Amino acid sequence: MTRAEAKERNRRALLDAAFQVVSRDGHQARLDEVAARAGLTTGAVYSLFGSKNGLVLALVTDYLRPYYEEIEQAVPAELDLLDAVEAFARHARRSCDAPGARAALSLQITALDMALHDPDLGARLAASVRAQEHQLAELFAGRAHDGGVVTPDQARRLVTALRALLVGLTQGVTLALAPEADEQYFADTARALAAGW
């Protein structure tokens, strides 16, 4: 195994261990337990991530990356704005039924809790969310809508509203608080939000 392969293996082991410990313990998660679960030392955490906050930020980014890659595939470029928003919302609803949906919700809630307890981590997570929103805004900007084309500024504002709507609906479905919110419900609600944009 090369040095780069060993580094990536250690990185992956720490992220997997951190997911278990952070999801369970939130801001009280201990680096020594994360390292022990990964079969490494806390020195490896600092070497690879710089700090506990760096590890948590990497964990959130690593966990969300595949989701955002799937969104780009789920929303074809040729769709107009409303059809693109509908495809995005349908994808969000299908994610509620994915095997890791409860774990994803746990990570979201834990990350928010940690951000409330640590302003530095909160600022870093906010920057990460803004970067993800920027990526989504690029997905919607330039699409046809209401006789015109969606501007980058309109797309950014729409994405902020869509994210809030779909995060709330996703949490409701995952926690069994919104059992009637099927794929069509997600699509209709998101489409109604976007219609006035």
N, C-alpha and C. Protein backbone atom coordinates (compact mmCIF):
# COMPACT_ATOMS: atom_id res chain seq x y z
N MET A 1 0.84 -1.18 0.00
CA MET A 1 0.00 0.00 0.00
C MET A 1 0.89 1.25 0.00
N THR A 2 0.57 2.19 -0.89
CA THR A 2 1.36 3.42 -0.94
C THR A 2 1.00 4.32 0.23
N ARG A 3 1.81 5.34 0.42
CA ARG A 3 1.55 6.28 1.51
C ARG A 3 0.21 6.99 1.30
N ALA A 4 -0.08 7.36 0.05
CA ALA A 4 -1.34 8.03 -0.26
C ALA A 4 -2.53 7.10 0.01
N GLU A 5 -2.39 5.83 -0.33
CA GLU A 5 -3.47 4.87 -0.08
C GLU A 5 -3.69 4.67 1.42
N ALA A 6 -2.59 4.61 2.17
CA ALA A 6 -2.70 4.46 3.63
C ALA A 6 -3.37 5.69 4.24
N LYS A 7 -3.00 6.86 3.74
CA LYS A 7 -3.59 8.10 4.25
C LYS A 7 -5.10 8.12 3.97
N GLU A 8 -5.49 7.72 2.78
CA GLU A 8 -6.91 7.69 2.42
C GLU A 8 -7.65 6.63 3.24
N ARG A 9 -7.02 5.49 3.45
CA ARG A 9 -7.64 4.45 4.29
C ARG A 9 -7.88 4.98 5.71
N ASN A 10 -6.88 5.65 6.27
CA ASN A 10 -7.01 6.22 7.62
C ASN A 10 -8.09 7.31 7.66
N ARG A 11 -8.10 8.13 6.64
CA ARG A 11 -9.10 9.20 6.55
C ARG A 11 -10.50 8.59 6.54
N ARG A 12 -10.69 7.57 5.70
CA ARG A 12 -11.99 6.91 5.60
C ARG A 12 -12.39 6.26 6.93
N ALA A 13 -11.43 5.60 7.57
CA ALA A 13 -11.71 4.93 8.85
C ALA A 13 -12.12 5.95 9.91
N LEU A 14 -11.46 7.10 9.93
CA LEU A 14 -11.81 8.15 10.90
C LEU A 14 -13.18 8.75 10.60
N LEU A 15 -13.49 8.96 9.34
CA LEU A 15 -14.81 9.50 8.99
C LEU A 15 -15.92 8.52 9.35
N ASP A 16 -15.71 7.24 9.09
CA ASP A 16 -16.71 6.23 9.44
C ASP A 16 -16.91 6.16 10.95
N ALA A 17 -15.81 6.18 11.69
CA ALA A 17 -15.89 6.14 13.15
C ALA A 17 -16.54 7.42 13.68
N ALA A 18 -16.18 8.55 13.10
CA ALA A 18 -16.75 9.83 13.54
C ALA A 18 -18.25 9.86 13.31
N PHE A 19 -18.69 9.29 12.22
CA PHE A 19 -20.13 9.26 11.96
C PHE A 19 -20.86 8.55 13.10
N GLN A 20 -20.35 7.43 13.53
CA GLN A 20 -20.98 6.67 14.62
C GLN A 20 -20.96 7.46 15.93
N VAL A 21 -19.81 8.01 16.27
CA VAL A 21 -19.66 8.68 17.57
C VAL A 21 -20.36 10.03 17.58
N VAL A 22 -20.19 10.81 16.53
CA VAL A 22 -20.79 12.14 16.48
C VAL A 22 -22.31 12.04 16.41
N SER A 23 -22.84 11.09 15.64
CA SER A 23 -24.30 10.93 15.56
C SER A 23 -24.89 10.57 16.92
N ARG A 24 -24.13 9.86 17.71
CA ARG A 24 -24.62 9.44 19.03
C ARG A 24 -24.41 10.53 20.09
N ASP A 25 -23.23 11.17 20.09
CA ASP A 25 -22.84 12.04 21.20
C ASP A 25 -22.86 13.53 20.90
N GLY A 26 -23.01 13.91 19.64
CA GLY A 26 -23.06 15.32 19.28
C GLY A 26 -21.81 16.07 19.70
N HIS A 27 -22.01 17.27 20.29
CA HIS A 27 -20.86 18.12 20.64
C HIS A 27 -20.01 17.51 21.74
N GLN A 28 -20.51 16.47 22.40
CA GLN A 28 -19.73 15.82 23.45
C GLN A 28 -18.88 14.66 22.90
N ALA A 29 -18.93 14.44 21.61
CA ALA A 29 -18.13 13.38 21.00
C ALA A 29 -16.65 13.58 21.34
N ARG A 30 -15.99 12.50 21.68
CA ARG A 30 -14.58 12.58 22.07
C ARG A 30 -13.69 12.03 20.96
N LEU A 31 -12.65 12.78 20.66
CA LEU A 31 -11.72 12.37 19.60
C LEU A 31 -11.02 11.06 19.93
N ASP A 32 -10.73 10.82 21.22
CA ASP A 32 -10.04 9.58 21.55
C ASP A 32 -10.92 8.37 21.22
N GLU A 33 -12.25 8.49 21.39
CA GLU A 33 -13.13 7.38 21.03
C GLU A 33 -13.21 7.21 19.52
N VAL A 34 -13.29 8.33 18.79
CA VAL A 34 -13.29 8.25 17.33
C VAL A 34 -12.04 7.54 16.84
N ALA A 35 -10.90 7.98 17.35
CA ALA A 35 -9.62 7.39 16.93
C ALA A 35 -9.55 5.91 17.29
N ALA A 36 -9.99 5.55 18.50
CA ALA A 36 -9.95 4.15 18.93
C ALA A 36 -10.83 3.29 18.03
N ARG A 37 -12.02 3.76 17.68
CA ARG A 37 -12.90 3.00 16.79
C ARG A 37 -12.27 2.80 15.42
N ALA A 38 -11.47 3.76 15.00
CA ALA A 38 -10.81 3.67 13.70
C ALA A 38 -9.51 2.88 13.77
N GLY A 39 -9.10 2.51 14.99
CA GLY A 39 -7.85 1.79 15.14
C GLY A 39 -6.63 2.70 14.97
N LEU A 40 -6.82 3.97 15.28
CA LEU A 40 -5.75 4.96 15.11
C LEU A 40 -5.59 5.76 16.39
N THR A 41 -4.73 6.76 16.36
CA THR A 41 -4.51 7.63 17.52
C THR A 41 -5.14 8.99 17.25
N THR A 42 -5.30 9.78 18.30
CA THR A 42 -5.82 11.14 18.11
C THR A 42 -4.87 11.97 17.25
N GLY A 43 -3.60 11.61 17.27
CA GLY A 43 -2.63 12.30 16.41
C GLY A 43 -3.01 12.19 14.94
N ALA A 44 -3.59 11.05 14.56
CA ALA A 44 -4.02 10.88 13.17
C ALA A 44 -5.15 11.85 12.83
N VAL A 45 -6.04 12.09 13.80
CA VAL A 45 -7.14 13.04 13.59
C VAL A 45 -6.56 14.42 13.30
N TYR A 46 -5.62 14.85 14.15
CA TYR A 46 -5.03 16.18 13.97
C TYR A 46 -4.21 16.26 12.68
N SER A 47 -3.53 15.18 12.34
CA SER A 47 -2.72 15.15 11.13
C SER A 47 -3.58 15.27 9.87
N LEU A 48 -4.71 14.57 9.87
CA LEU A 48 -5.55 14.54 8.68
C LEU A 48 -6.58 15.67 8.62
N PHE A 49 -7.08 16.11 9.78
CA PHE A 49 -8.18 17.07 9.79
C PHE A 49 -7.88 18.37 10.54
N GLY A 50 -6.80 18.41 11.28
CA GLY A 50 -6.40 19.63 11.97
C GLY A 50 -7.04 19.86 13.33
N SER A 51 -8.29 19.38 13.50
CA SER A 51 -9.01 19.61 14.76
C SER A 51 -10.29 18.78 14.74
N LYS A 52 -10.99 18.80 15.85
CA LYS A 52 -12.29 18.14 15.93
C LYS A 52 -13.26 18.82 14.95
N ASN A 53 -13.22 20.14 14.90
CA ASN A 53 -14.08 20.87 13.98
C ASN A 53 -13.78 20.50 12.53
N GLY A 54 -12.51 20.36 12.22
CA GLY A 54 -12.13 19.96 10.87
C GLY A 54 -12.66 18.58 10.53
N LEU A 55 -12.64 17.68 11.50
CA LEU A 55 -13.18 16.34 11.30
C LEU A 55 -14.68 16.39 11.07
N VAL A 56 -15.40 17.16 11.89
CA VAL A 56 -16.85 17.25 11.75
C VAL A 56 -17.22 17.88 10.41
N LEU A 57 -16.52 18.92 10.01
CA LEU A 57 -16.79 19.56 8.73
C LEU A 57 -16.54 18.58 7.59
N ALA A 58 -15.43 17.83 7.65
CA ALA A 58 -15.13 16.83 6.63
C ALA A 58 -16.21 15.75 6.61
N LEU A 59 -16.68 15.37 7.78
CA LEU A 59 -17.73 14.35 7.89
C LEU A 59 -19.00 14.82 7.19
N VAL A 60 -19.44 16.03 7.48
CA VAL A 60 -20.66 16.55 6.86
C VAL A 60 -20.48 16.66 5.35
N THR A 61 -19.36 17.20 4.92
CA THR A 61 -19.08 17.34 3.49
C THR A 61 -19.04 15.98 2.81
N ASP A 62 -18.34 15.04 3.42
CA ASP A 62 -18.21 13.70 2.85
C ASP A 62 -19.56 13.01 2.76
N TYR A 63 -20.38 13.19 3.76
CA TYR A 63 -21.67 12.52 3.80
C TYR A 63 -22.63 13.12 2.77
N LEU A 64 -22.55 14.43 2.53
CA LEU A 64 -23.47 15.09 1.61
C LEU A 64 -23.03 15.04 0.14
N ARG A 65 -21.74 14.85 -0.11
CA ARG A 65 -21.23 14.89 -1.48
C ARG A 65 -22.00 13.97 -2.43
N PRO A 66 -22.21 12.70 -2.08
CA PRO A 66 -22.94 11.83 -3.01
C PRO A 66 -24.37 12.31 -3.27
N TYR A 67 -25.01 12.88 -2.25
CA TYR A 67 -26.37 13.39 -2.40
C TYR A 67 -26.41 14.50 -3.45
N TYR A 68 -25.47 15.42 -3.39
CA TYR A 68 -25.46 16.52 -4.35
C TYR A 68 -25.07 16.05 -5.75
N GLU A 69 -24.23 15.03 -5.84
CA GLU A 69 -23.91 14.46 -7.14
C GLU A 69 -25.13 13.79 -7.75
N GLU A 70 -25.93 13.12 -6.92
CA GLU A 70 -27.16 12.49 -7.40
C GLU A 70 -28.16 13.52 -7.88
N ILE A 71 -28.22 14.67 -7.22
CA ILE A 71 -29.16 15.72 -7.63
C ILE A 71 -28.86 16.16 -9.05
N GLU A 72 -27.59 16.35 -9.36
CA GLU A 72 -27.23 16.80 -10.70
C GLU A 72 -27.67 15.78 -11.75
N GLN A 73 -27.64 14.51 -11.41
CA GLN A 73 -28.09 13.47 -12.34
C GLN A 73 -29.61 13.41 -12.41
N ALA A 74 -30.29 13.73 -11.30
CA ALA A 74 -31.75 13.63 -11.23
C ALA A 74 -32.46 14.81 -11.91
N VAL A 75 -31.73 15.88 -12.19
CA VAL A 75 -32.34 17.08 -12.77
C VAL A 75 -31.70 17.35 -14.13
N PRO A 76 -32.27 16.81 -15.19
CA PRO A 76 -31.70 17.00 -16.53
C PRO A 76 -31.61 18.47 -16.95
N ALA A 77 -30.60 18.79 -17.71
CA ALA A 77 -30.32 20.17 -18.11
C ALA A 77 -31.40 20.76 -19.01
N GLU A 78 -32.12 19.93 -19.76
CA GLU A 78 -33.08 20.45 -20.73
C GLU A 78 -34.42 20.87 -20.11
N LEU A 79 -34.65 20.61 -18.83
CA LEU A 79 -35.93 20.95 -18.20
C LEU A 79 -36.04 22.45 -17.93
N ASP A 80 -37.27 22.97 -18.02
CA ASP A 80 -37.48 24.36 -17.60
C ASP A 80 -37.45 24.41 -16.08
N LEU A 81 -37.57 25.59 -15.51
CA LEU A 81 -37.42 25.75 -14.06
C LEU A 81 -38.40 24.89 -13.27
N LEU A 82 -39.69 24.96 -13.59
CA LEU A 82 -40.67 24.25 -12.79
C LEU A 82 -40.49 22.73 -12.87
N ASP A 83 -40.17 22.23 -14.05
CA ASP A 83 -39.92 20.79 -14.17
C ASP A 83 -38.64 20.39 -13.45
N ALA A 84 -37.64 21.26 -13.48
CA ALA A 84 -36.39 20.98 -12.77
C ALA A 84 -36.62 20.97 -11.26
N VAL A 85 -37.40 21.92 -10.76
CA VAL A 85 -37.72 21.96 -9.33
C VAL A 85 -38.50 20.71 -8.94
N GLU A 86 -39.42 20.30 -9.79
CA GLU A 86 -40.20 19.09 -9.50
C GLU A 86 -39.28 17.87 -9.44
N ALA A 87 -38.36 17.74 -10.38
CA ALA A 87 -37.42 16.60 -10.38
C ALA A 87 -36.56 16.63 -9.11
N PHE A 88 -36.13 17.82 -8.71
CA PHE A 88 -35.33 17.99 -7.50
C PHE A 88 -36.13 17.55 -6.27
N ALA A 89 -37.39 17.99 -6.19
CA ALA A 89 -38.25 17.65 -5.05
C ALA A 89 -38.54 16.15 -5.00
N ARG A 90 -38.76 15.55 -6.14
CA ARG A 90 -39.02 14.11 -6.18
C ARG A 90 -37.78 13.34 -5.69
N HIS A 91 -36.62 13.82 -6.09
CA HIS A 91 -35.37 13.19 -5.62
C HIS A 91 -35.25 13.32 -4.10
N ALA A 92 -35.58 14.50 -3.59
CA ALA A 92 -35.52 14.71 -2.14
C ALA A 92 -36.46 13.75 -1.42
N ARG A 93 -37.66 13.54 -1.96
CA ARG A 93 -38.60 12.62 -1.31
C ARG A 93 -38.10 11.18 -1.35
N ARG A 94 -37.53 10.78 -2.48
CA ARG A 94 -36.99 9.41 -2.58
C ARG A 94 -35.86 9.19 -1.58
N SER A 95 -35.12 10.24 -1.28
CA SER A 95 -34.02 10.11 -0.31
C SER A 95 -34.54 9.77 1.09
N CYS A 96 -35.81 10.12 1.36
CA CYS A 96 -36.40 9.80 2.68
C CYS A 96 -36.54 8.30 2.87
N ASP A 97 -36.62 7.56 1.78
CA ASP A 97 -36.80 6.11 1.85
C ASP A 97 -35.49 5.36 1.70
N ALA A 98 -34.40 6.08 1.53
CA ALA A 98 -33.09 5.44 1.38
C ALA A 98 -32.70 4.77 2.70
N PRO A 99 -31.88 3.72 2.63
CA PRO A 99 -31.49 3.00 3.85
C PRO A 99 -30.86 3.90 4.93
N GLY A 100 -30.13 4.93 4.54
CA GLY A 100 -29.45 5.76 5.52
C GLY A 100 -30.19 7.04 5.89
N ALA A 101 -31.51 7.11 5.62
CA ALA A 101 -32.25 8.35 5.84
C ALA A 101 -32.24 8.79 7.30
N ARG A 102 -32.45 7.86 8.21
CA ARG A 102 -32.47 8.22 9.64
C ARG A 102 -31.08 8.66 10.10
N ALA A 103 -30.06 7.97 9.61
CA ALA A 103 -28.69 8.35 9.97
C ALA A 103 -28.37 9.74 9.42
N ALA A 104 -28.84 10.04 8.22
CA ALA A 104 -28.60 11.37 7.64
C ALA A 104 -29.28 12.45 8.46
N LEU A 105 -30.51 12.18 8.90
CA LEU A 105 -31.21 13.14 9.74
C LEU A 105 -30.49 13.32 11.07
N SER A 106 -30.02 12.24 11.64
CA SER A 106 -29.27 12.31 12.90
C SER A 106 -28.03 13.19 12.73
N LEU A 107 -27.32 13.00 11.62
CA LEU A 107 -26.12 13.80 11.38
C LEU A 107 -26.49 15.28 11.22
N GLN A 108 -27.57 15.57 10.49
CA GLN A 108 -28.00 16.97 10.32
C GLN A 108 -28.27 17.63 11.67
N ILE A 109 -29.05 16.95 12.48
CA ILE A 109 -29.43 17.51 13.77
C ILE A 109 -28.21 17.66 14.67
N THR A 110 -27.35 16.67 14.66
CA THR A 110 -26.14 16.72 15.48
C THR A 110 -25.23 17.86 15.03
N ALA A 111 -25.07 18.03 13.72
CA ALA A 111 -24.22 19.10 13.22
C ALA A 111 -24.77 20.46 13.64
N LEU A 112 -26.09 20.62 13.58
CA LEU A 112 -26.69 21.88 14.02
C LEU A 112 -26.46 22.11 15.51
N ASP A 113 -26.62 21.06 16.30
CA ASP A 113 -26.38 21.16 17.74
C ASP A 113 -24.93 21.56 18.02
N MET A 114 -24.02 20.93 17.32
CA MET A 114 -22.59 21.24 17.52
C MET A 114 -22.30 22.69 17.12
N ALA A 115 -22.93 23.14 16.02
CA ALA A 115 -22.72 24.51 15.55
C ALA A 115 -23.22 25.52 16.57
N LEU A 116 -24.31 25.19 17.25
CA LEU A 116 -24.84 26.08 18.29
C LEU A 116 -23.90 26.19 19.49
N HIS A 117 -23.17 25.12 19.77
CA HIS A 117 -22.26 25.11 20.91
C HIS A 117 -20.86 25.64 20.56
N ASP A 118 -20.55 25.74 19.29
CA ASP A 118 -19.21 26.15 18.88
C ASP A 118 -19.30 27.12 17.71
N PRO A 119 -19.18 28.42 17.96
CA PRO A 119 -19.32 29.41 16.90
C PRO A 119 -18.36 29.21 15.73
N ASP A 120 -17.14 28.77 16.00
CA ASP A 120 -16.19 28.53 14.91
C ASP A 120 -16.72 27.43 13.98
N LEU A 121 -17.17 26.34 14.57
CA LEU A 121 -17.72 25.26 13.75
C LEU A 121 -18.98 25.75 13.03
N GLY A 122 -19.81 26.53 13.72
CA GLY A 122 -21.01 27.07 13.10
C GLY A 122 -20.69 27.89 11.86
N ALA A 123 -19.66 28.73 11.95
CA ALA A 123 -19.27 29.54 10.80
C ALA A 123 -18.75 28.67 9.66
N ARG A 124 -18.00 27.64 10.00
CA ARG A 124 -17.46 26.75 8.97
C ARG A 124 -18.56 25.92 8.31
N LEU A 125 -19.52 25.46 9.10
CA LEU A 125 -20.64 24.71 8.53
C LEU A 125 -21.51 25.62 7.67
N ALA A 126 -21.71 26.86 8.10
CA ALA A 126 -22.50 27.81 7.31
C ALA A 126 -21.83 28.05 5.96
N ALA A 127 -20.51 28.17 5.95
CA ALA A 127 -19.79 28.35 4.69
C ALA A 127 -19.97 27.12 3.79
N SER A 128 -19.96 25.94 4.39
CA SER A 128 -20.17 24.71 3.63
C SER A 128 -21.57 24.67 3.03
N VAL A 129 -22.59 25.05 3.81
CA VAL A 129 -23.97 25.07 3.31
C VAL A 129 -24.10 26.09 2.18
N ARG A 130 -23.47 27.27 2.34
CA ARG A 130 -23.52 28.27 1.28
C ARG A 130 -22.89 27.75 -0.01
N ALA A 131 -21.80 27.00 0.10
CA ALA A 131 -21.15 26.42 -1.08
C ALA A 131 -22.09 25.41 -1.75
N GLN A 132 -22.79 24.62 -0.95
CA GLN A 132 -23.74 23.65 -1.50
C GLN A 132 -24.91 24.36 -2.16
N GLU A 133 -25.39 25.43 -1.54
CA GLU A 133 -26.48 26.20 -2.13
C GLU A 133 -26.03 26.84 -3.44
N HIS A 134 -24.79 27.31 -3.50
CA HIS A 134 -24.25 27.89 -4.73
C HIS A 134 -24.25 26.85 -5.85
N GLN A 135 -23.84 25.64 -5.50
CA GLN A 135 -23.82 24.54 -6.49
C GLN A 135 -25.24 24.27 -6.99
N LEU A 136 -26.22 24.25 -6.09
CA LEU A 136 -27.61 24.03 -6.50
C LEU A 136 -28.13 25.21 -7.33
N ALA A 137 -27.75 26.42 -6.95
CA ALA A 137 -28.21 27.59 -7.70
C ALA A 137 -27.73 27.51 -9.15
N GLU A 138 -26.53 27.02 -9.35
CA GLU A 138 -26.01 26.86 -10.72
C GLU A 138 -26.85 25.86 -11.50
N LEU A 139 -27.44 24.91 -10.79
CA LEU A 139 -28.29 23.91 -11.43
C LEU A 139 -29.58 24.54 -11.97
N PHE A 140 -30.08 25.59 -11.31
CA PHE A 140 -31.34 26.21 -11.70
C PHE A 140 -31.17 27.49 -12.53
N ALA A 141 -30.05 28.17 -12.39
CA ALA A 141 -29.83 29.41 -13.15
C ALA A 141 -29.79 29.11 -14.65
N GLY A 142 -30.36 30.03 -15.41
CA GLY A 142 -30.35 29.90 -16.86
C GLY A 142 -31.51 29.08 -17.42
N ARG A 143 -32.33 28.53 -16.56
CA ARG A 143 -33.48 27.74 -17.05
C ARG A 143 -34.63 28.67 -17.43
N ALA A 144 -35.41 28.22 -18.40
CA ALA A 144 -36.57 28.99 -18.85
C ALA A 144 -37.63 29.02 -17.76
N HIS A 145 -38.22 30.22 -17.60
CA HIS A 145 -39.32 30.36 -16.64
C HIS A 145 -40.12 31.61 -16.94
N ASP A 146 -41.43 31.44 -17.09
CA ASP A 146 -42.36 32.56 -17.20
C ASP A 146 -41.95 33.54 -18.30
N GLY A 147 -41.56 33.01 -19.45
CA GLY A 147 -41.19 33.84 -20.59
C GLY A 147 -39.79 34.43 -20.53
N GLY A 148 -39.02 34.08 -19.51
CA GLY A 148 -37.66 34.59 -19.40
C GLY A 148 -36.71 33.49 -18.98
N VAL A 149 -35.60 33.91 -18.41
CA VAL A 149 -34.58 32.97 -17.96
C VAL A 149 -34.24 33.31 -16.51
N VAL A 150 -34.08 32.29 -15.69
CA VAL A 150 -33.77 32.48 -14.27
C VAL A 150 -32.36 33.05 -14.13
N THR A 151 -32.25 34.16 -13.42
CA THR A 151 -30.94 34.78 -13.20
C THR A 151 -30.22 34.07 -12.06
N PRO A 152 -28.90 34.23 -11.96
CA PRO A 152 -28.18 33.63 -10.82
C PRO A 152 -28.71 34.10 -9.47
N ASP A 153 -29.08 35.39 -9.36
CA ASP A 153 -29.60 35.89 -8.09
C ASP A 153 -30.95 35.26 -7.77
N GLN A 154 -31.83 35.13 -8.75
CA GLN A 154 -33.11 34.47 -8.54
C GLN A 154 -32.90 33.01 -8.13
N ALA A 155 -31.96 32.35 -8.78
CA ALA A 155 -31.68 30.94 -8.48
C ALA A 155 -31.17 30.78 -7.05
N ARG A 156 -30.32 31.69 -6.59
CA ARG A 156 -29.82 31.62 -5.21
C ARG A 156 -30.95 31.78 -4.20
N ARG A 157 -31.83 32.75 -4.44
CA ARG A 157 -32.95 32.96 -3.53
C ARG A 157 -33.90 31.77 -3.54
N LEU A 158 -34.14 31.23 -4.71
CA LEU A 158 -35.02 30.06 -4.83
C LEU A 158 -34.43 28.86 -4.09
N VAL A 159 -33.15 28.63 -4.25
CA VAL A 159 -32.51 27.48 -3.62
C VAL A 159 -32.58 27.59 -2.10
N THR A 160 -32.39 28.78 -1.56
CA THR A 160 -32.50 28.95 -0.11
C THR A 160 -33.90 28.56 0.37
N ALA A 161 -34.92 29.01 -0.35
CA ALA A 161 -36.30 28.69 0.03
C ALA A 161 -36.59 27.20 -0.17
N LEU A 162 -36.13 26.64 -1.28
CA LEU A 162 -36.36 25.21 -1.54
C LEU A 162 -35.68 24.34 -0.49
N ARG A 163 -34.45 24.71 -0.15
CA ARG A 163 -33.72 23.92 0.85
C ARG A 163 -34.48 23.91 2.17
N ALA A 164 -34.96 25.07 2.59
CA ALA A 164 -35.71 25.16 3.84
C ALA A 164 -36.98 24.30 3.77
N LEU A 165 -37.71 24.42 2.67
CA LEU A 165 -38.94 23.66 2.49
C LEU A 165 -38.66 22.15 2.50
N LEU A 166 -37.70 21.73 1.70
CA LEU A 166 -37.46 20.29 1.54
C LEU A 166 -36.78 19.68 2.76
N VAL A 167 -35.94 20.44 3.46
CA VAL A 167 -35.36 19.92 4.71
C VAL A 167 -36.48 19.69 5.72
N GLY A 168 -37.39 20.65 5.83
CA GLY A 168 -38.51 20.48 6.75
C GLY A 168 -39.39 19.30 6.40
N LEU A 169 -39.73 19.17 5.12
CA LEU A 169 -40.56 18.03 4.70
C LEU A 169 -39.83 16.71 4.90
N THR A 170 -38.55 16.68 4.58
CA THR A 170 -37.76 15.46 4.73
C THR A 170 -37.71 15.04 6.20
N GLN A 171 -37.50 16.00 7.08
CA GLN A 171 -37.49 15.68 8.51
C GLN A 171 -38.86 15.15 8.94
N GLY A 172 -39.92 15.77 8.44
CA GLY A 172 -41.27 15.33 8.78
C GLY A 172 -41.54 13.90 8.34
N VAL A 173 -41.11 13.55 7.13
CA VAL A 173 -41.31 12.19 6.63
C VAL A 173 -40.48 11.20 7.42
N THR A 174 -39.21 11.52 7.63
CA THR A 174 -38.30 10.60 8.31
C THR A 174 -38.74 10.34 9.74
N LEU A 175 -39.31 11.34 10.40
CA LEU A 175 -39.78 11.18 11.77
C LEU A 175 -41.24 10.73 11.85
N ALA A 176 -41.83 10.39 10.71
CA ALA A 176 -43.22 9.94 10.62
C ALA A 176 -44.20 11.01 11.09
N LEU A 177 -43.85 12.28 10.91
CA LEU A 177 -44.74 13.38 11.27
C LEU A 177 -45.57 13.83 10.08
N ALA A 178 -45.17 13.41 8.89
CA ALA A 178 -45.88 13.81 7.67
C ALA A 178 -46.06 12.60 6.76
N PRO A 179 -46.83 11.60 7.21
CA PRO A 179 -46.96 10.38 6.42
C PRO A 179 -47.64 10.58 5.07
N GLU A 180 -48.45 11.66 4.93
CA GLU A 180 -49.13 11.92 3.65
C GLU A 180 -48.21 12.58 2.62
N ALA A 181 -47.03 12.98 3.02
CA ALA A 181 -46.13 13.70 2.13
C ALA A 181 -45.38 12.73 1.23
N ASP A 182 -46.08 12.29 0.18
CA ASP A 182 -45.48 11.37 -0.78
C ASP A 182 -44.71 12.17 -1.84
N GLU A 183 -44.24 11.47 -2.86
CA GLU A 183 -43.43 12.13 -3.89
C GLU A 183 -44.22 13.22 -4.60
N GLN A 184 -45.50 12.98 -4.86
CA GLN A 184 -46.33 13.99 -5.53
C GLN A 184 -46.52 15.22 -4.64
N TYR A 185 -46.67 15.01 -3.35
CA TYR A 185 -46.80 16.12 -2.41
C TYR A 185 -45.55 16.99 -2.43
N PHE A 186 -44.38 16.36 -2.38
CA PHE A 186 -43.12 17.11 -2.46
C PHE A 186 -43.07 17.90 -3.76
N ALA A 187 -43.40 17.24 -4.88
CA ALA A 187 -43.32 17.88 -6.19
C ALA A 187 -44.28 19.06 -6.27
N ASP A 188 -45.52 18.87 -5.84
CA ASP A 188 -46.51 19.94 -5.92
C ASP A 188 -46.14 21.13 -5.04
N THR A 189 -45.65 20.85 -3.83
CA THR A 189 -45.30 21.92 -2.90
C THR A 189 -44.10 22.73 -3.42
N ALA A 190 -43.09 22.04 -3.90
CA ALA A 190 -41.91 22.72 -4.42
C ALA A 190 -42.25 23.51 -5.69
N ARG A 191 -43.08 22.93 -6.53
CA ARG A 191 -43.47 23.59 -7.76
C ARG A 191 -44.26 24.87 -7.45
N ALA A 192 -45.15 24.80 -6.46
CA ALA A 192 -45.92 25.99 -6.07
C ALA A 192 -44.99 27.09 -5.57
N LEU A 193 -43.98 26.70 -4.80
CA LEU A 193 -43.02 27.69 -4.30
C LEU A 193 -42.28 28.36 -5.45
N ALA A 194 -41.86 27.55 -6.42
CA ALA A 194 -41.07 28.08 -7.53
C ALA A 194 -41.90 28.84 -8.56
N ALA A 195 -43.20 28.57 -8.61
CA ALA A 195 -44.04 29.17 -9.65
C ALA A 195 -44.01 30.70 -9.64
N GLY A 196 -43.88 31.28 -8.45
CA GLY A 196 -43.88 32.73 -8.35
C GLY A 196 -42.51 33.37 -8.51
N TRP A 197 -41.52 32.57 -8.79
CA TRP A 197 -40.17 33.12 -8.85
C TRP A 197 -39.94 33.93 -10.07
